């Protein structure tokens, strides 16, 4: 016979302005979608915690506290969690709960140095955690927040201010194929447009099909236990049929409609994510020729 443990307390955690605050829709591990309140770096996090006893019974406790935590969880040879942010307030001293009680909390001007992320083997999350300590089992309630990190595009940190700078990606097989994919810059906001063109300089293969893909590569852990996963975020058919020498194909790729994330480089020495443009050509014998080039993504307001 098994017994289900029923918590003697009900904990409600609400954020100030929660109903009117901007939200972000993110996927859960099971593929469902949930809405989380959006916060920025340096923004205050405040709200209320209401604790109610069940069945009007008195409940003794050893104290009530609330924490604001920032954690990186990696699934690399077992799930590991490392906190990079840990703030706490004591809401109540040891005592007895008889009636519903509401506690105000406020974490002022919190530095949120990383953007929230849910990937294949990595999760970077910010969350509030209320703990009612008891001699038996603690009663815990959590509420996740979502954080965006915004960057300002300027001449110092972005090639967006340099429209004349171009990037060239060559696909070549000696004496058989030479293609140049030219695009305007290598750093884009998540709402930007990739503008470019493909030149066919030499075509002696019977090219049947060509496509352009956006690929996100997530890397976590350190050698020799490092894990890397690649995910195709979008795939576009550029050409169906045989090109000829001298032909030019214009490219215009709108990034705003895809589930993209900014480029993360060695975040807290735990993980990185990079985005690549991948050009793939397929000939009549189903042989594939491809070349990848990294683009830097950032979020602007």
Protein backbone atom coordinates (compact mmCIF):
# COMPACT_ATOMS: atom_id res chain seq x y z
CA UNK A 1 0.00 0.00 0.00
CA UNK A 2 1.37 3.46 -0.87
CA UNK A 3 0.47 6.80 0.64
CA UNK A 4 0.54 10.11 -1.21
CA UNK A 5 2.08 12.95 0.79
CA UNK A 6 -0.22 15.94 0.77
CA UNK A 7 1.30 19.31 1.58
CA UNK A 8 -0.28 20.98 4.64
CA UNK A 9 0.28 24.40 2.99
CA UNK A 10 -0.70 26.13 -0.22
CA UNK A 11 1.82 28.71 -1.45
CA UNK A 12 0.86 31.35 -4.02
CA UNK A 13 3.66 33.41 -5.59
CA UNK A 14 2.68 36.49 -7.60
CA UNK A 15 4.82 39.13 -9.31
CA UNK A 16 3.90 42.82 -9.26
CA UNK A 17 2.18 43.77 -12.51
CA UNK A 18 2.13 40.13 -13.59
CA UNK A 19 -1.11 40.46 -15.57
CA UNK A 20 0.15 43.41 -17.62
CA UNK A 21 3.84 42.47 -17.92
CA UNK A 22 5.19 41.29 -21.27
CA UNK A 23 5.51 37.51 -21.50
CA UNK A 24 7.57 35.07 -23.54
CA UNK A 25 6.22 31.74 -24.80
CA UNK A 26 8.77 28.95 -24.39
CA UNK A 27 8.71 25.21 -24.92
CA UNK A 28 8.87 22.78 -22.00
CA UNK A 29 10.92 19.58 -22.04
CA UNK A 30 7.74 17.72 -23.07
CA UNK A 31 7.14 20.00 -26.06
CA UNK A 32 4.32 22.00 -24.52
CA UNK A 33 4.37 25.80 -24.39
CA UNK A 34 4.24 28.00 -21.31
CA UNK A 35 4.19 31.77 -20.81
CA UNK A 36 6.79 33.32 -18.52
CA UNK A 37 7.10 36.93 -17.35
CA UNK A 38 9.88 38.82 -19.12
CA UNK A 39 12.58 40.77 -17.24
CA UNK A 40 15.66 42.77 -18.23
CA UNK A 41 19.11 43.05 -16.76
CA UNK A 42 19.11 45.45 -13.77
CA UNK A 43 15.33 45.32 -13.33
CA UNK A 44 13.81 44.95 -9.85
CA UNK A 45 11.91 41.73 -9.12
CA UNK A 46 9.17 42.11 -6.52
CA UNK A 47 5.82 40.66 -5.58
CA UNK A 48 3.86 38.83 -2.90
CA UNK A 49 3.87 35.40 -1.32
CA UNK A 50 0.58 34.18 0.19
CA UNK A 51 0.60 31.08 2.38
CA UNK A 52 -2.60 29.28 3.34
CA UNK A 53 -3.07 26.29 5.63
CA UNK A 54 -5.21 23.41 4.44
CA UNK A 55 -8.34 22.42 6.35
CA UNK A 56 -7.79 25.35 8.79
CA UNK A 57 -5.16 23.38 10.68
CA UNK A 58 -2.29 25.04 12.52
CA UNK A 59 1.10 24.42 10.96
CA UNK A 60 4.37 24.94 12.82
CA UNK A 61 7.39 26.03 10.80
CA UNK A 62 11.06 26.91 11.26
CA UNK A 63 10.99 30.01 9.05
CA UNK A 64 9.94 31.23 5.60
CA UNK A 65 12.43 32.50 3.04
CA UNK A 66 12.41 33.50 -0.61
CA UNK A 67 15.35 33.20 -3.01
CA UNK A 68 16.02 34.58 -6.47
CA UNK A 69 18.28 32.08 -8.23
CA UNK A 70 20.09 31.94 -11.55
CA UNK A 71 21.15 28.42 -12.50
CA UNK A 72 22.80 26.66 -15.43
CA UNK A 73 21.69 23.03 -15.73
CA UNK A 74 23.72 20.79 -18.03
CA UNK A 75 22.85 17.24 -19.01
CA UNK A 76 26.38 16.07 -19.59
CA UNK A 77 27.12 12.70 -18.00
CA UNK A 78 24.23 13.33 -15.61
CA UNK A 79 22.35 16.53 -14.82
CA UNK A 80 24.46 19.12 -13.03
CA UNK A 81 23.21 22.46 -11.71
CA UNK A 82 25.42 25.44 -10.91
CA UNK A 83 24.12 28.70 -9.45
CA UNK A 84 25.59 31.95 -10.79
CA UNK A 85 23.04 34.12 -8.93
CA UNK A 86 21.74 33.60 -5.39
CA UNK A 87 19.82 36.24 -3.42
CA UNK A 88 17.62 35.61 -0.38
CA UNK A 89 15.20 37.35 2.01
CA UNK A 90 13.78 35.96 5.24
CA UNK A 91 10.01 36.46 5.16
CA UNK A 92 9.08 35.05 8.57
CA UNK A 93 10.79 33.83 11.73
CA UNK A 94 9.99 30.37 13.18
CA UNK A 95 6.40 30.24 14.36
CA UNK A 96 2.93 28.95 13.65
CA UNK A 97 0.65 29.52 10.67
CA UNK A 98 -3.07 29.64 11.50
CA UNK A 99 -4.62 31.94 8.89
CA UNK A 100 -3.64 33.03 5.37
CA UNK A 101 -0.61 35.32 5.51
CA UNK A 102 0.83 37.51 2.74
CA UNK A 103 4.47 38.61 2.62
CA UNK A 104 5.92 41.28 0.33
CA UNK A 105 9.33 40.74 -1.23
CA UNK A 106 11.65 42.87 -3.36
CA UNK A 107 15.00 42.17 -5.02
CA UNK A 108 16.21 45.58 -6.19
CA UNK A 109 18.10 46.29 -9.43
CA UNK A 110 19.14 42.68 -9.95
CA UNK A 111 22.09 42.07 -12.27
CA UNK A 112 21.01 39.35 -14.68
CA UNK A 113 24.19 38.85 -16.65
CA UNK A 114 23.01 36.09 -19.00
CA UNK A 115 19.95 35.55 -21.17
CA UNK A 116 17.56 32.68 -20.38
CA UNK A 117 18.02 29.62 -22.58
CA UNK A 118 16.47 26.20 -23.10
CA UNK A 119 18.45 23.94 -25.39
CA UNK A 120 19.06 20.26 -26.01
CA UNK A 121 21.44 19.58 -23.12
CA UNK A 122 21.54 22.99 -21.41
CA UNK A 123 19.05 25.11 -19.53
CA UNK A 124 19.85 28.57 -18.14
CA UNK A 125 17.04 29.66 -15.87
CA UNK A 126 16.07 32.36 -13.38
CA UNK A 127 13.49 31.48 -10.76
CA UNK A 128 11.99 32.46 -7.43
CA UNK A 129 11.95 29.80 -4.74
CA UNK A 130 9.84 30.01 -1.57
CA UNK A 131 10.75 27.58 1.21
CA UNK A 132 8.71 26.98 4.36
CA UNK A 133 11.13 25.06 6.59
CA UNK A 134 9.63 22.32 8.76
CA UNK A 135 10.91 19.58 11.06
CA UNK A 136 9.46 17.06 8.64
CA UNK A 137 9.48 17.88 4.92
CA UNK A 138 10.00 21.45 3.72
CA UNK A 139 7.24 22.95 1.57
CA UNK A 140 8.66 24.57 -1.59
CA UNK A 141 7.14 26.63 -4.39
CA UNK A 142 9.02 27.84 -7.46
CA UNK A 143 8.22 30.35 -10.22
CA UNK A 144 10.41 30.81 -13.30
CA UNK A 145 11.17 34.15 -14.96
CA UNK A 146 12.51 34.75 -18.47
CA UNK A 147 15.37 37.20 -19.05
CA UNK A 148 16.42 38.97 -22.25
CA UNK A 149 19.82 40.58 -22.68
CA UNK A 150 19.72 43.49 -25.14
CA UNK A 151 22.67 44.87 -27.11
CA UNK A 152 22.93 48.20 -28.88
CA UNK A 153 24.26 47.95 -32.42
CA UNK A 154 27.01 50.49 -33.00
CA UNK A 155 30.27 50.76 -34.87
CA UNK A 156 32.25 49.34 -31.96
CA UNK A 157 30.39 46.10 -31.37
CA UNK A 158 28.50 45.44 -34.59
CA UNK A 159 29.19 45.34 -38.28
CA UNK A 160 25.62 46.57 -38.74
CA UNK A 161 27.07 50.07 -39.02
CA UNK A 162 29.35 48.98 -41.87
CA UNK A 163 27.07 48.07 -44.82
CA UNK A 164 29.97 48.03 -47.28
CA UNK A 165 31.67 45.14 -45.46
CA UNK A 166 30.85 41.85 -47.17
CA UNK A 167 31.49 38.22 -46.30
CA UNK A 168 32.30 35.64 -48.97
CA UNK A 169 31.84 31.90 -48.62
CA UNK A 170 33.38 29.75 -51.35
CA UNK A 171 32.19 26.30 -52.38
CA UNK A 172 34.68 24.74 -54.74
CA UNK A 173 35.82 21.49 -56.31
CA UNK A 174 38.93 21.87 -58.43
CA UNK A 175 38.13 22.19 -62.16
CA UNK A 176 34.49 21.20 -61.52
CA UNK A 177 32.69 23.76 -59.42
CA UNK A 178 33.28 27.25 -58.04
CA UNK A 179 30.53 29.16 -56.30
CA UNK A 180 30.69 32.32 -54.20
CA UNK A 181 28.03 33.12 -51.61
CA UNK A 182 28.36 36.79 -50.70
CA UNK A 183 26.39 38.44 -47.90
CA UNK A 184 26.52 41.90 -46.38
CA UNK A 185 27.89 41.29 -42.85
CA UNK A 186 28.49 38.59 -40.26
CA UNK A 187 26.64 40.11 -37.28
CA UNK A 188 22.84 40.39 -37.22
CA UNK A 189 20.08 41.22 -34.79
CA UNK A 190 17.41 38.54 -34.33
CA UNK A 191 15.00 40.71 -36.34
CA UNK A 192 17.45 41.45 -39.15
CA UNK A 193 17.49 40.41 -42.82
CA UNK A 194 20.38 38.56 -44.45
CA UNK A 195 20.87 40.05 -47.89
CA UNK A 196 23.26 38.43 -50.32
CA UNK A 197 23.77 36.71 -53.64
CA UNK A 198 25.23 33.52 -55.05
CA UNK A 199 27.59 33.64 -58.05
CA UNK A 200 28.24 30.62 -60.24
CA UNK A 201 31.82 31.12 -61.46
CA UNK A 202 32.44 27.59 -62.72
CA UNK A 203 29.85 24.84 -63.23
CA UNK A 204 30.94 21.50 -64.68
CA UNK A 205 28.83 19.35 -62.40
CA UNK A 206 25.17 18.64 -63.02
CA UNK A 207 23.71 20.46 -60.02
CA UNK A 208 20.16 19.40 -59.35
CA UNK A 209 19.26 21.24 -56.15
CA UNK A 210 20.61 23.91 -53.80
CA UNK A 211 19.44 24.96 -50.35
CA UNK A 212 20.42 27.32 -47.54
CA UNK A 213 20.00 26.36 -43.88
CA UNK A 214 20.29 28.03 -40.50
CA UNK A 215 21.93 25.68 -38.01
CA UNK A 216 22.34 26.16 -34.25
CA UNK A 217 25.22 24.30 -32.61
CA UNK A 218 25.11 23.87 -28.83
CA UNK A 219 28.25 22.78 -26.97
CA UNK A 220 28.41 22.03 -23.26
CA UNK A 221 31.01 20.66 -20.87
CA UNK A 222 34.75 20.48 -21.21
CA UNK A 223 37.00 17.99 -22.97
CA UNK A 224 37.11 15.01 -22.86
CA UNK A 225 33.41 14.95 -21.84
CA UNK A 226 32.24 17.76 -24.11
CA UNK A 227 28.91 17.30 -25.88
CA UNK A 228 27.86 19.02 -29.09
CA UNK A 229 24.45 19.03 -30.79
CA UNK A 230 23.36 20.64 -34.03
CA UNK A 231 19.78 21.61 -34.86
CA UNK A 232 18.48 22.83 -38.21
CA UNK A 233 16.28 25.84 -37.46
CA UNK A 234 15.25 26.67 -41.02
CA UNK A 235 15.85 25.30 -44.53
CA UNK A 236 15.22 27.14 -47.81
CA UNK A 237 15.30 25.90 -51.34
CA UNK A 238 17.34 28.37 -53.38
CA UNK A 239 17.39 26.63 -56.73
CA UNK A 240 15.82 23.60 -58.38
CA UNK A 241 17.51 22.85 -61.67
CA UNK A 242 20.89 23.21 -63.32
CA UNK A 243 22.65 26.60 -63.08
CA UNK A 244 24.98 27.96 -65.73
CA UNK A 245 28.25 29.80 -65.46
CA UNK A 246 27.79 33.50 -64.78
CA UNK A 247 24.36 33.06 -63.22
CA UNK A 248 23.53 35.06 -60.06
CA UNK A 249 20.84 34.20 -57.51
CA UNK A 250 19.79 36.94 -55.03
CA UNK A 251 19.23 35.91 -51.40
CA UNK A 252 16.95 37.65 -48.91
CA UNK A 253 16.50 35.79 -45.63
CA UNK A 254 14.26 37.31 -42.92
CA UNK A 255 15.39 36.13 -39.47
CA UNK A 256 12.45 37.48 -37.48
CA UNK A 257 10.17 34.49 -38.08
CA UNK A 258 12.45 31.81 -36.63
CA UNK A 259 13.17 30.48 -33.16
CA UNK A 260 16.66 31.97 -32.92
CA UNK A 261 18.79 32.73 -29.87
CA UNK A 262 21.71 35.13 -29.51
CA UNK A 263 25.24 33.79 -29.83
CA UNK A 264 26.48 32.57 -26.42
CA UNK A 265 30.24 32.25 -25.98
CA UNK A 266 31.51 30.12 -23.10
CA UNK A 267 28.74 31.19 -20.72
CA UNK A 268 30.05 30.83 -17.16
CA UNK A 269 32.52 28.30 -18.63
CA UNK A 270 29.57 25.90 -19.06
CA UNK A 271 28.22 26.14 -22.60
CA UNK A 272 28.21 27.94 -25.95
CA UNK A 273 25.70 28.27 -28.79
CA UNK A 274 26.64 29.33 -32.31
CA UNK A 275 24.60 29.85 -35.48
CA UNK A 276 25.79 28.90 -38.96
CA UNK A 277 24.67 29.57 -42.50
CA UNK A 278 24.99 26.30 -44.40
CA UNK A 279 24.95 26.17 -48.20
CA UNK A 280 24.22 22.72 -49.63
CA UNK A 281 24.38 21.60 -53.28
CA UNK A 282 23.15 18.22 -54.51
CA UNK A 283 24.09 16.83 -57.92
CA UNK A 284 22.23 14.34 -60.13
CA UNK A 285 24.09 11.45 -58.49
CA UNK A 286 22.81 12.61 -55.06
CA UNK A 287 26.27 13.70 -53.96
CA UNK A 288 26.21 16.60 -51.51
CA UNK A 289 28.61 19.55 -51.40
CA UNK A 290 28.36 22.01 -48.55
CA UNK A 291 30.06 24.88 -46.78
CA UNK A 292 29.24 26.53 -43.47
CA UNK A 293 29.98 30.00 -42.17
CA UNK A 294 29.23 31.36 -38.70
CA UNK A 295 27.07 34.43 -38.16
CA UNK A 296 26.88 36.31 -34.84
CA UNK A 297 23.37 36.95 -33.52
CA UNK A 298 22.33 39.49 -30.88
CA UNK A 299 19.08 40.83 -29.48
CA UNK A 300 18.18 44.49 -29.87
CA UNK A 301 15.19 46.30 -28.38
